[in-house]
């Protein structure tokens, strides 16, 4: 795990500052709230707490999850979205889909937009690029700012501060929170205006899902042929069949160990986002469609909450009906 230690000068902790158009702000004094504290959001909150940030509030529709994390971190388990905004300068959201994002930034009822003037929202969910653009407009109308912070990593990296982040939105907003983002990520890339990072993230997951489904078929066929899967995977790793997915999922497919880091259901959703982007551009994406079909089948068979490696349950003889 990367350590978070303040710079010490002359026996005193020295913290960095960033400039806004109005005044200089002590970065470590930023109060950071979280909306969505599942395994990713909770680990990001733990990381920032370790780094000396004031985690001001946590919120989740599963109130027991928020209460448990709040007790661990010594912070407030907010009972409303508006309370998170009230208590925070920067709000990091980690929700599951477009509908959830539109709900938390709703114009009616409880909303993060209540009293949002001057706040910065960093939205980390994998959702449709158009919704990120929509949220940027809503936050700007409320006198706030938003940034998409698309993640291409998993639970362990969230805890260790080694996420790969793709950022989109106004560059000035990115600059305001760059140091905070650096505590969560060792490799971050500003992609461009709102929606652009989400487009890249959709492509990342589309290709990853194609590779995962392809590997599951290759290993399933190898097993049916009576080949030694260890030898097959070693040969794959040294040839054109190599991929990052082989490294992360190959042994899990062999061993049927599908502890969830990125579920089959999420893979289906994200491939769907990419297919929608392709359709809007008049492109046919048959491989993306085929791999989405496999992850959809996982959901149909009741195994969609397994890790995406669970797609191998569909390709090995005798594992599923």
C-alpha atoms as a PDB file:
ATOM      1  CA  UNK A   1       0.000   0.000   0.000  1.00  0.00           C
ATOM      2  CA  UNK A   2       1.247   3.479  -0.852  1.00  0.00           C
ATOM      3  CA  UNK A   3       1.736   5.487   2.324  1.00  0.00           C
ATOM      4  CA  UNK A   4       0.196   8.899   2.873  1.00  0.00           C
ATOM      5  CA  UNK A   5       2.486  11.117   4.911  1.00  0.00           C
ATOM      6  CA  UNK A   6       2.375  14.898   5.138  1.00  0.00           C
ATOM      7  CA  UNK A   7       5.547  16.715   4.116  1.00  0.00           C
ATOM      8  CA  UNK A   8       7.446  17.788   7.241  1.00  0.00           C
ATOM      9  CA  UNK A   9       9.375  21.052   7.151  1.00  0.00           C
ATOM     10  CA  UNK A  10      10.975  22.531  10.266  1.00  0.00           C
ATOM     11  CA  UNK A  11       9.136  20.102  12.504  1.00  0.00           C
ATOM     12  CA  UNK A  12       5.731  21.119  11.201  1.00  0.00           C
ATOM     13  CA  UNK A  13       3.487  19.313   8.753  1.00  0.00           C
ATOM     14  CA  UNK A  14       3.409  21.295   5.533  1.00  0.00           C
ATOM     15  CA  UNK A  15       0.396  20.807   3.311  1.00  0.00           C
ATOM     16  CA  UNK A  16       0.055  21.796  -0.322  1.00  0.00           C
ATOM     17  CA  UNK A  17      -2.333  24.412  -1.582  1.00  0.00           C
ATOM     18  CA  UNK A  18      -4.213  25.079  -4.786  1.00  0.00           C
ATOM     19  CA  UNK A  19      -5.428  28.375  -6.178  1.00  0.00           C
ATOM     20  CA  UNK A  20      -8.999  29.205  -7.100  1.00  0.00           C
ATOM     21  CA  UNK A  21     -10.004  32.410  -8.787  1.00  0.00           C
ATOM     22  CA  UNK A  22     -10.866  33.847  -5.369  1.00  0.00           C
ATOM     23  CA  UNK A  23      -8.520  32.478  -2.726  1.00  0.00           C
ATOM     24  CA  UNK A  24      -5.917  29.937  -1.731  1.00  0.00           C
ATOM     25  CA  UNK A  25      -7.382  26.812  -0.133  1.00  0.00           C
ATOM     26  CA  UNK A  26      -5.618  24.296   2.081  1.00  0.00           C
ATOM     27  CA  UNK A  27      -6.099  20.998   0.252  1.00  0.00           C
ATOM     28  CA  UNK A  28      -5.979  18.856   3.367  1.00  0.00           C
ATOM     29  CA  UNK A  29      -8.781  20.935   4.888  1.00  0.00           C
ATOM     30  CA  UNK A  30     -11.171  19.774   2.176  1.00  0.00           C
ATOM     31  CA  UNK A  31     -14.116  17.915   3.662  1.00  0.00           C
ATOM     32  CA  UNK A  32     -14.866  14.884   1.497  1.00  0.00           C
ATOM     33  CA  UNK A  33     -18.231  13.133   1.460  1.00  0.00           C
ATOM     34  CA  UNK A  34     -19.104   9.823  -0.162  1.00  0.00           C
ATOM     35  CA  UNK A  35     -22.337   8.651  -1.753  1.00  0.00           C
ATOM     36  CA  UNK A  36     -22.327   4.922  -2.438  1.00  0.00           C
ATOM     37  CA  UNK A  37     -20.148   3.015   0.013  1.00  0.00           C
ATOM     38  CA  UNK A  38     -20.093  -0.470  -1.374  1.00  0.00           C
ATOM     39  CA  UNK A  39     -16.724  -2.147  -1.629  1.00  0.00           C
ATOM     40  CA  UNK A  40     -15.232   0.448  -3.983  1.00  0.00           C
ATOM     41  CA  UNK A  41     -16.635   3.566  -2.334  1.00  0.00           C
ATOM     42  CA  UNK A  42     -15.870   2.346   1.180  1.00  0.00           C
ATOM     43  CA  UNK A  43     -12.271   1.552   0.309  1.00  0.00           C
ATOM     44  CA  UNK A  44     -11.793   4.937  -1.329  1.00  0.00           C
ATOM     45  CA  UNK A  45     -13.099   6.582   1.837  1.00  0.00           C
ATOM     46  CA  UNK A  46     -10.719   4.516   3.976  1.00  0.00           C
ATOM     47  CA  UNK A  47      -7.845   5.510   1.731  1.00  0.00           C
ATOM     48  CA  UNK A  48      -8.524   9.236   1.997  1.00  0.00           C
ATOM     49  CA  UNK A  49      -8.976   8.939   5.749  1.00  0.00           C
ATOM     50  CA  UNK A  50      -5.545   7.283   5.939  1.00  0.00           C
ATOM     51  CA  UNK A  51      -4.146  10.167   3.904  1.00  0.00           C
ATOM     52  CA  UNK A  52      -5.329  12.742   6.414  1.00  0.00           C
ATOM     53  CA  UNK A  53      -8.448  13.970   4.653  1.00  0.00           C
ATOM     54  CA  UNK A  54     -11.563  14.823   6.643  1.00  0.00           C
ATOM     55  CA  UNK A  55     -14.121  12.258   5.481  1.00  0.00           C
ATOM     56  CA  UNK A  56     -17.114  14.346   6.478  1.00  0.00           C
ATOM     57  CA  UNK A  57     -20.075  12.095   5.661  1.00  0.00           C
ATOM     58  CA  UNK A  58     -20.968   8.783   4.059  1.00  0.00           C
ATOM     59  CA  UNK A  59     -24.312   7.814   2.530  1.00  0.00           C
ATOM     60  CA  UNK A  60     -25.738   4.669   1.010  1.00  0.00           C
ATOM     61  CA  UNK A  61     -29.233   3.449   0.232  1.00  0.00           C
ATOM     62  CA  UNK A  62     -28.231   0.532   2.449  1.00  0.00           C
ATOM     63  CA  UNK A  63     -28.204   2.589   5.630  1.00  0.00           C
ATOM     64  CA  UNK A  64     -26.553  -0.185   7.620  1.00  0.00           C
ATOM     65  CA  UNK A  65     -23.517  -0.080   5.301  1.00  0.00           C
ATOM     66  CA  UNK A  66     -23.168   3.671   5.792  1.00  0.00           C
ATOM     67  CA  UNK A  67     -23.563   3.349   9.555  1.00  0.00           C
ATOM     68  CA  UNK A  68     -20.917   0.629   9.781  1.00  0.00           C
ATOM     69  CA  UNK A  69     -18.383   2.597   7.735  1.00  0.00           C
ATOM     70  CA  UNK A  70     -19.144   5.819   9.612  1.00  0.00           C
ATOM     71  CA  UNK A  71     -18.437   4.082  12.922  1.00  0.00           C
ATOM     72  CA  UNK A  72     -15.154   2.739  11.542  1.00  0.00           C
ATOM     73  CA  UNK A  73     -13.997   6.120  10.222  1.00  0.00           C
ATOM     74  CA  UNK A  74     -15.430   8.276  12.991  1.00  0.00           C
ATOM     75  CA  UNK A  75     -17.648  10.266  10.657  1.00  0.00           C
ATOM     76  CA  UNK A  76     -21.330  10.985  10.003  1.00  0.00           C
ATOM     77  CA  UNK A  77     -23.663   8.443   8.464  1.00  0.00           C
ATOM     78  CA  UNK A  78     -25.799  10.907   6.530  1.00  0.00           C
ATOM     79  CA  UNK A  79     -29.494  10.151   6.382  1.00  0.00           C
ATOM     80  CA  UNK A  80     -30.108  12.327   3.326  1.00  0.00           C
ATOM     81  CA  UNK A  81     -28.207  13.270   0.203  1.00  0.00           C
ATOM     82  CA  UNK A  82     -28.607  16.937   1.055  1.00  0.00           C
ATOM     83  CA  UNK A  83     -26.816  16.320   4.353  1.00  0.00           C
ATOM     84  CA  UNK A  84     -23.777  14.983   2.495  1.00  0.00           C
ATOM     85  CA  UNK A  85     -23.650  18.166   0.427  1.00  0.00           C
ATOM     86  CA  UNK A  86     -24.111  20.333   3.518  1.00  0.00           C
ATOM     87  CA  UNK A  87     -21.196  18.679   5.343  1.00  0.00           C
ATOM     88  CA  UNK A  88     -18.757  18.418   2.427  1.00  0.00           C
ATOM     89  CA  UNK A  89     -16.648  20.475   0.030  1.00  0.00           C
ATOM     90  CA  UNK A  90     -15.996  17.588  -2.351  1.00  0.00           C
ATOM     91  CA  UNK A  91     -18.497  14.758  -2.854  1.00  0.00           C
ATOM     92  CA  UNK A  92     -17.408  11.482  -4.464  1.00  0.00           C
ATOM     93  CA  UNK A  93     -20.237   9.383  -5.867  1.00  0.00           C
ATOM     94  CA  UNK A  94     -19.972   5.677  -6.671  1.00  0.00           C
ATOM     95  CA  UNK A  95     -23.383   4.453  -7.824  1.00  0.00           C
ATOM     96  CA  UNK A  96     -24.370   1.614 -10.090  1.00  0.00           C
ATOM     97  CA  UNK A  97     -26.172   2.975 -13.162  1.00  0.00           C
ATOM     98  CA  UNK A  98     -27.742   5.878 -15.032  1.00  0.00           C
ATOM     99  CA  UNK A  99     -30.986   5.767 -13.047  1.00  0.00           C
ATOM    100  CA  UNK A 100     -29.130   5.941  -9.734  1.00  0.00           C
ATOM    101  CA  UNK A 101     -27.067   8.915 -10.910  1.00  0.00           C
ATOM    102  CA  UNK A 102     -30.139  10.773 -12.107  1.00  0.00           C
ATOM    103  CA  UNK A 103     -31.834  10.085  -8.783  1.00  0.00           C
ATOM    104  CA  UNK A 104     -29.058  11.475  -6.586  1.00  0.00           C
ATOM    105  CA  UNK A 105     -28.856  14.591  -8.760  1.00  0.00           C
ATOM    106  CA  UNK A 106     -32.624  14.913  -9.042  1.00  0.00           C
ATOM    107  CA  UNK A 107     -34.418  18.243  -9.299  1.00  0.00           C
ATOM    108  CA  UNK A 108     -37.154  17.166  -6.869  1.00  0.00           C
ATOM    109  CA  UNK A 109     -37.004  15.758  -3.365  1.00  0.00           C
ATOM    110  CA  UNK A 110     -33.796  14.803  -1.600  1.00  0.00           C
ATOM    111  CA  UNK A 111     -30.846  15.655  -3.856  1.00  0.00           C
ATOM    112  CA  UNK A 112     -27.145  16.366  -3.796  1.00  0.00           C
ATOM    113  CA  UNK A 113     -27.967  19.604  -5.599  1.00  0.00           C
ATOM    114  CA  UNK A 114     -29.598  21.091  -2.482  1.00  0.00           C
ATOM    115  CA  UNK A 115     -27.276  23.790  -1.193  1.00  0.00           C
ATOM    116  CA  UNK A 116     -24.619  22.690  -3.679  1.00  0.00           C
ATOM    117  CA  UNK A 117     -23.122  26.080  -4.483  1.00  0.00           C
ATOM    118  CA  UNK A 118     -19.314  25.938  -4.392  1.00  0.00           C
ATOM    119  CA  UNK A 119     -19.155  22.136  -4.136  1.00  0.00           C
ATOM    120  CA  UNK A 120     -17.194  19.807  -6.424  1.00  0.00           C
ATOM    121  CA  UNK A 121     -18.695  16.434  -7.345  1.00  0.00           C
ATOM    122  CA  UNK A 122     -16.464  13.600  -8.570  1.00  0.00           C
ATOM    123  CA  UNK A 123     -18.625  10.904 -10.155  1.00  0.00           C
ATOM    124  CA  UNK A 124     -16.943   7.521 -10.410  1.00  0.00           C
ATOM    125  CA  UNK A 125     -19.668   5.207 -11.671  1.00  0.00           C
ATOM    126  CA  UNK A 126     -19.522   3.565 -15.090  1.00  0.00           C
ATOM    127  CA  UNK A 127     -22.572   5.166 -16.662  1.00  0.00           C
ATOM    128  CA  UNK A 128     -23.609   6.543 -20.034  1.00  0.00           C
ATOM    129  CA  UNK A 129     -21.502   9.490 -21.209  1.00  0.00           C
ATOM    130  CA  UNK A 130     -24.683  11.468 -21.859  1.00  0.00           C
ATOM    131  CA  UNK A 131     -25.628  11.244 -18.184  1.00  0.00           C
ATOM    132  CA  UNK A 132     -22.247  12.647 -17.139  1.00  0.00           C
ATOM    133  CA  UNK A 133     -22.892  15.580 -19.488  1.00  0.00           C
ATOM    134  CA  UNK A 134     -26.384  15.977 -18.027  1.00  0.00           C
ATOM    135  CA  UNK A 135     -25.027  15.986 -14.465  1.00  0.00           C
ATOM    136  CA  UNK A 136     -22.418  18.599 -15.363  1.00  0.00           C
ATOM    137  CA  UNK A 137     -25.184  20.895 -16.566  1.00  0.00           C
ATOM    138  CA  UNK A 138     -27.259  20.324 -13.429  1.00  0.00           C
ATOM    139  CA  UNK A 139     -24.348  21.002 -11.092  1.00  0.00           C
ATOM    140  CA  UNK A 140     -23.330  24.133 -12.965  1.00  0.00           C
ATOM    141  CA  UNK A 141     -26.898  25.432 -12.729  1.00  0.00           C
ATOM    142  CA  UNK A 142     -26.667  24.911  -8.954  1.00  0.00           C
ATOM    143  CA  UNK A 143     -23.402  26.861  -8.750  1.00  0.00           C
ATOM    144  CA  UNK A 144     -21.315  23.701  -8.335  1.00  0.00           C
ATOM    145  CA  UNK A 145     -18.852  21.738 -10.483  1.00  0.00           C
ATOM    146  CA  UNK A 146     -18.612  18.104 -11.513  1.00  0.00           C
ATOM    147  CA  UNK A 147     -15.950  15.788 -12.831  1.00  0.00           C
ATOM    148  CA  UNK A 148     -16.218  12.257 -14.103  1.00  0.00           C
ATOM    149  CA  UNK A 149     -13.668   9.964 -12.493  1.00  0.00           C
ATOM    150  CA  UNK A 150     -13.999   6.677 -14.327  1.00  0.00           C
ATOM    151  CA  UNK A 151     -12.138   3.805 -12.672  1.00  0.00           C
ATOM    152  CA  UNK A 152     -10.384   0.921 -14.435  1.00  0.00           C
ATOM    153  CA  UNK A 153      -9.363  -0.952 -11.310  1.00  0.00           C
ATOM    154  CA  UNK A 154     -10.893  -2.970  -8.519  1.00  0.00           C
ATOM    155  CA  UNK A 155     -11.358  -3.228  -4.766  1.00  0.00           C
ATOM    156  CA  UNK A 156      -7.740  -3.786  -3.767  1.00  0.00           C
ATOM    157  CA  UNK A 157      -6.549  -0.812  -5.800  1.00  0.00           C
ATOM    158  CA  UNK A 158      -9.230   1.397  -4.256  1.00  0.00           C
ATOM    159  CA  UNK A 159      -7.895   0.588  -0.803  1.00  0.00           C
ATOM    160  CA  UNK A 160      -4.240   0.965  -1.740  1.00  0.00           C
ATOM    161  CA  UNK A 161      -4.600   4.222  -3.669  1.00  0.00           C
ATOM    162  CA  UNK A 162      -3.500   2.644  -6.937  1.00  0.00           C
ATOM    163  CA  UNK A 163      -6.623   3.144  -9.046  1.00  0.00           C
ATOM    164  CA  UNK A 164      -6.322   3.933 -12.744  1.00  0.00           C
ATOM    165  CA  UNK A 165      -8.542   6.971 -13.278  1.00  0.00           C
ATOM    166  CA  UNK A 166      -9.850   8.510 -16.483  1.00  0.00           C
ATOM    167  CA  UNK A 167     -11.055  12.056 -15.819  1.00  0.00           C
ATOM    168  CA  UNK A 168     -13.446  14.183 -17.825  1.00  0.00           C
ATOM    169  CA  UNK A 169     -14.946  17.631 -17.355  1.00  0.00           C
ATOM    170  CA  UNK A 170     -13.733  21.202 -17.105  1.00  0.00           C
ATOM    171  CA  UNK A 171      -9.934  21.304 -16.796  1.00  0.00           C
ATOM    172  CA  UNK A 172     -10.120  23.964 -14.074  1.00  0.00           C
ATOM    173  CA  UNK A 173     -12.274  21.615 -11.993  1.00  0.00           C
ATOM    174  CA  UNK A 174      -9.777  18.821 -12.515  1.00  0.00           C
ATOM    175  CA  UNK A 175      -6.961  21.097 -11.360  1.00  0.00           C
ATOM    176  CA  UNK A 176      -8.819  21.888  -8.123  1.00  0.00           C
ATOM    177  CA  UNK A 177      -8.985  18.260  -7.052  1.00  0.00           C
ATOM    178  CA  UNK A 178      -5.911  16.833  -8.777  1.00  0.00           C
ATOM    179  CA  UNK A 179      -3.970  16.354  -5.556  1.00  0.00           C
ATOM    180  CA  UNK A 180      -6.880  14.554  -3.889  1.00  0.00           C
ATOM    181  CA  UNK A 181      -7.194  12.328  -6.959  1.00  0.00           C
ATOM    182  CA  UNK A 182      -3.489  11.597  -6.687  1.00  0.00           C
ATOM    183  CA  UNK A 183      -4.101  10.019  -3.285  1.00  0.00           C
ATOM    184  CA  UNK A 184      -6.508   7.588  -4.929  1.00  0.00           C
ATOM    185  CA  UNK A 185      -4.581   6.932  -8.129  1.00  0.00           C
ATOM    186  CA  UNK A 186      -0.989   6.351  -9.170  1.00  0.00           C
ATOM    187  CA  UNK A 187      -1.935   6.677 -12.828  1.00  0.00           C
ATOM    188  CA  UNK A 188      -4.610   9.165 -13.806  1.00  0.00           C
ATOM    189  CA  UNK A 189      -5.358  10.627 -17.195  1.00  0.00           C
ATOM    190  CA  UNK A 190      -7.353  13.769 -17.987  1.00  0.00           C
ATOM    191  CA  UNK A 191      -9.194  12.860 -21.185  1.00  0.00           C
ATOM    192  CA  UNK A 192     -11.216  15.948 -22.030  1.00  0.00           C
ATOM    193  CA  UNK A 193     -14.632  17.535 -21.659  1.00  0.00           C
ATOM    194  CA  UNK A 194     -17.566  15.907 -19.901  1.00  0.00           C
ATOM    195  CA  UNK A 195     -18.512  12.557 -21.395  1.00  0.00           C
ATOM    196  CA  UNK A 196     -15.142  11.805 -22.976  1.00  0.00           C
ATOM    197  CA  UNK A 197     -13.707   9.827 -20.062  1.00  0.00           C
ATOM    198  CA  UNK A 198     -16.915   7.798 -19.883  1.00  0.00           C
ATOM    199  CA  UNK A 199     -16.616   7.010 -23.579  1.00  0.00           C
ATOM    200  CA  UNK A 200     -13.078   5.701 -23.070  1.00  0.00           C
ATOM    201  CA  UNK A 201     -14.182   3.703 -20.024  1.00  0.00           C
ATOM    202  CA  UNK A 202     -16.948   2.097 -22.069  1.00  0.00           C
ATOM    203  CA  UNK A 203     -14.351   1.032 -24.649  1.00  0.00           C
ATOM    204  CA  UNK A 204     -12.030  -0.313 -21.951  1.00  0.00           C
ATOM    205  CA  UNK A 205     -14.758  -2.494 -20.502  1.00  0.00           C
ATOM    206  CA  UNK A 206     -16.067  -3.539 -23.905  1.00  0.00           C
ATOM    207  CA  UNK A 207     -12.644  -4.886 -24.919  1.00  0.00           C
ATOM    208  CA  UNK A 208     -12.070  -6.432 -21.470  1.00  0.00           C
ATOM    209  CA  UNK A 209     -15.416  -8.220 -21.667  1.00  0.00           C
ATOM    210  CA  UNK A 210     -14.674  -9.539 -25.165  1.00  0.00           C
ATOM    211  CA  UNK A 211     -11.311 -10.838 -23.920  1.00  0.00           C
ATOM    212  CA  UNK A 212     -12.938 -12.442 -20.870  1.00  0.00           C
ATOM    213  CA  UNK A 213     -15.583 -14.242 -22.894  1.00  0.00           C
ATOM    214  CA  UNK A 214     -12.965 -15.351 -25.442  1.00  0.00           C
ATOM    215  CA  UNK A 215     -10.639 -16.706 -22.762  1.00  0.00           C
ATOM    216  CA  UNK A 216     -13.512 -18.632 -21.179  1.00  0.00           C
ATOM    217  CA  UNK A 217     -14.241 -20.276 -24.534  1.00  0.00           C
ATOM    218  CA  UNK A 218     -10.586 -21.093 -25.159  1.00  0.00           C
ATOM    219  CA  UNK A 219     -10.080 -22.682 -21.753  1.00  0.00           C
ATOM    220  CA  UNK A 220     -13.427 -24.461 -21.951  1.00  0.00           C
ATOM    221  CA  UNK A 221     -12.460 -26.007 -25.273  1.00  0.00           C
ATOM    222  CA  UNK A 222      -9.008 -26.911 -23.980  1.00  0.00           C
ATOM    223  CA  UNK A 223     -10.600 -28.689 -21.028  1.00  0.00           C
ATOM    224  CA  UNK A 224     -13.009 -30.569 -23.304  1.00  0.00           C
ATOM    225  CA  UNK A 225     -10.045 -31.710 -25.404  1.00  0.00           C
ATOM    226  CA  UNK A 226      -8.374 -33.127 -22.309  1.00  0.00           C
ATOM    227  CA  UNK A 227      -5.471 -30.671 -22.417  1.00  0.00           C
ATOM    228  CA  UNK A 228      -3.589 -29.621 -19.299  1.00  0.00           C
ATOM    229  CA  UNK A 229      -4.972 -26.173 -18.518  1.00  0.00           C
ATOM    230  CA  UNK A 230      -1.793 -25.101 -16.737  1.00  0.00           C
ATOM    231  CA  UNK A 231       0.254 -25.817 -19.838  1.00  0.00           C
ATOM    232  CA  UNK A 232      -2.337 -24.159 -22.064  1.00  0.00           C
ATOM    233  CA  UNK A 233      -2.333 -20.991 -19.951  1.00  0.00           C
ATOM    234  CA  UNK A 234       1.467 -20.890 -19.916  1.00  0.00           C
ATOM    235  CA  UNK A 235       1.513 -21.155 -23.718  1.00  0.00           C
ATOM    236  CA  UNK A 236      -1.205 -18.511 -23.995  1.00  0.00           C
ATOM    237  CA  UNK A 237       0.923 -16.189 -21.868  1.00  0.00           C
ATOM    238  CA  UNK A 238       3.838 -16.445 -24.309  1.00  0.00           C
ATOM    239  CA  UNK A 239       1.879 -16.078 -27.535  1.00  0.00           C
ATOM    240  CA  UNK A 240      -0.738 -13.935 -29.227  1.00  0.00           C
ATOM    241  CA  UNK A 241      -3.370 -15.406 -26.904  1.00  0.00           C
ATOM    242  CA  UNK A 242      -1.918 -13.456 -23.991  1.00  0.00           C
ATOM    243  CA  UNK A 243      -3.999 -10.770 -22.283  1.00  0.00           C
ATOM    244  CA  UNK A 244      -4.378  -9.001 -18.968  1.00  0.00           C
ATOM    245  CA  UNK A 245      -7.541 -11.059 -18.456  1.00  0.00           C
ATOM    246  CA  UNK A 246      -5.484 -14.257 -18.654  1.00  0.00           C
ATOM    247  CA  UNK A 247      -3.447 -12.940 -15.734  1.00  0.00           C
ATOM    248  CA  UNK A 248      -6.424 -11.893 -13.618  1.00  0.00           C
ATOM    249  CA  UNK A 249      -9.062 -14.497 -14.505  1.00  0.00           C
ATOM    250  CA  UNK A 250      -7.401 -17.576 -16.001  1.00  0.00           C
ATOM    251  CA  UNK A 251      -6.766 -19.470 -12.775  1.00  0.00           C
ATOM    252  CA  UNK A 252     -10.176 -18.467 -11.421  1.00  0.00           C
ATOM    253  CA  UNK A 253     -11.844 -19.927 -14.501  1.00  0.00           C
ATOM    254  CA  UNK A 254      -9.845 -23.133 -14.065  1.00  0.00           C
ATOM    255  CA  UNK A 255     -10.587 -23.393 -10.340  1.00  0.00           C
ATOM    256  CA  UNK A 256     -14.179 -22.098 -10.439  1.00  0.00           C
ATOM    257  CA  UNK A 257     -13.189 -19.404  -7.946  1.00  0.00           C
ATOM    258  CA  UNK A 258     -15.473 -16.516  -8.850  1.00  0.00           C
ATOM    259  CA  UNK A 259     -15.218 -14.253  -5.827  1.00  0.00           C
ATOM    260  CA  UNK A 260     -16.626 -11.006  -7.135  1.00  0.00           C
ATOM    261  CA  UNK A 261     -14.415  -8.066  -8.015  1.00  0.00           C
ATOM    262  CA  UNK A 262     -16.353  -7.069 -11.130  1.00  0.00           C
ATOM    263  CA  UNK A 263     -19.598  -8.927 -11.639  1.00  0.00           C
ATOM    264  CA  UNK A 264     -21.026 -10.508 -14.744  1.00  0.00           C
ATOM    265  CA  UNK A 265     -24.045  -8.234 -14.331  1.00  0.00           C
ATOM    266  CA  UNK A 266     -21.827  -5.153 -14.406  1.00  0.00           C
ATOM    267  CA  UNK A 267     -20.036  -6.529 -17.468  1.00  0.00           C
ATOM    268  CA  UNK A 268     -23.379  -6.872 -19.248  1.00  0.00           C
ATOM    269  CA  UNK A 269     -24.341  -3.301 -18.330  1.00  0.00           C
ATOM    270  CA  UNK A 270     -21.049  -1.822 -19.485  1.00  0.00           C
ATOM    271  CA  UNK A 271     -21.021  -3.718 -22.776  1.00  0.00           C
ATOM    272  CA  UNK A 272     -24.518  -2.348 -23.293  1.00  0.00           C
ATOM    273  CA  UNK A 273     -23.207   1.212 -22.910  1.00  0.00           C
ATOM    274  CA  UNK A 274     -20.568   0.557 -25.567  1.00  0.00           C
ATOM    275  CA  UNK A 275     -23.105  -0.996 -27.920  1.00  0.00           C
ATOM    276  CA  UNK A 276     -25.319   2.067 -27.553  1.00  0.00           C
ATOM    277  CA  UNK A 277     -22.399   4.313 -28.450  1.00  0.00           C
ATOM    278  CA  UNK A 278     -21.681   2.176 -31.506  1.00  0.00           C
ATOM    279  CA  UNK A 279     -25.315   2.212 -32.573  1.00  0.00           C
ATOM    280  CA  UNK A 280     -25.385   6.011 -32.321  1.00  0.00           C
ATOM    281  CA  UNK A 281     -22.405   6.114 -34.696  1.00  0.00           C
ATOM    282  CA  UNK A 282     -23.947   3.598 -37.102  1.00  0.00           C
ATOM    283  CA  UNK A 283     -21.367   0.910 -36.259  1.00  0.00           C
ATOM    284  CA  UNK A 284     -21.969  -2.810 -36.008  1.00  0.00           C
ATOM    285  CA  UNK A 285     -20.041  -4.342 -33.074  1.00  0.00           C
ATOM    286  CA  UNK A 286     -20.672  -8.107 -33.317  1.00  0.00           C
ATOM    287  CA  UNK A 287     -17.986  -9.157 -30.829  1.00  0.00           C
ATOM    288  CA  UNK A 288     -19.282  -6.724 -28.213  1.00  0.00           C
ATOM    289  CA  UNK A 289     -22.810  -7.985 -28.816  1.00  0.00           C
ATOM    290  CA  UNK A 290     -21.752 -11.625 -28.526  1.00  0.00           C
ATOM    291  CA  UNK A 291     -19.858 -11.083 -25.279  1.00  0.00           C
ATOM    292  CA  UNK A 292     -22.760  -9.104 -23.817  1.00  0.00           C
ATOM    293  CA  UNK A 293     -24.975 -12.037 -24.711  1.00  0.00           C
ATOM    294  CA  UNK A 294     -22.810 -14.320 -22.575  1.00  0.00           C
ATOM    295  CA  UNK A 295     -22.940 -12.006 -19.571  1.00  0.00           C
ATOM    296  CA  UNK A 296     -26.702 -11.610 -20.063  1.00  0.00           C
ATOM    297  CA  UNK A 297     -26.918 -15.399 -19.954  1.00  0.00           C
ATOM    298  CA  UNK A 298     -25.091 -15.387 -16.615  1.00  0.00           C
ATOM    299  CA  UNK A 299     -27.852 -13.147 -15.275  1.00  0.00           C
ATOM    300  CA  UNK A 300     -30.545 -15.396 -16.748  1.00  0.00           C
ATOM    301  CA  UNK A 301     -29.002 -18.423 -15.037  1.00  0.00           C
ATOM    302  CA  UNK A 302     -28.844 -16.653 -11.683  1.00  0.00           C
ATOM    303  CA  UNK A 303     -25.054 -16.295 -11.573  1.00  0.00           C
ATOM    304  CA  UNK A 304     -24.784 -12.665 -12.656  1.00  0.00           C
ATOM    305  CA  UNK A 305     -23.411 -11.607  -9.272  1.00  0.00           C
ATOM    306  CA  UNK A 306     -20.407 -13.873  -9.664  1.00  0.00           C
ATOM    307  CA  UNK A 307     -17.232 -12.256 -10.909  1.00  0.00           C
ATOM    308  CA  UNK A 308     -17.039 -11.869 -14.693  1.00  0.00           C
ATOM    309  CA  UNK A 309     -14.710 -14.902 -14.652  1.00  0.00           C
ATOM    310  CA  UNK A 310     -17.897 -16.842 -13.962  1.00  0.00           C
ATOM    311  CA  UNK A 311     -18.660 -16.655 -17.675  1.00  0.00           C
ATOM    312  CA  UNK A 312     -16.510 -19.813 -17.805  1.00  0.00           C
ATOM    313  CA  UNK A 313     -19.381 -21.623 -16.101  1.00  0.00           C
ATOM    314  CA  UNK A 314     -21.108 -21.351 -19.476  1.00  0.00           C
ATOM    315  CA  UNK A 315     -18.194 -22.679 -21.555  1.00  0.00           C
ATOM    316  CA  UNK A 316     -16.811 -25.655 -19.598  1.00  0.00           C
ATOM    317  CA  UNK A 317     -18.583 -28.952 -20.202  1.00  0.00           C
ATOM    318  CA  UNK A 318     -20.737 -30.116 -17.330  1.00  0.00           C
ATOM    319  CA  UNK A 319     -20.719 -26.892 -15.345  1.00  0.00           C
ATOM    320  CA  UNK A 320     -24.166 -25.591 -16.306  1.00  0.00           C
ATOM    321  CA  UNK A 321     -27.223 -27.020 -17.970  1.00  0.00           C
END
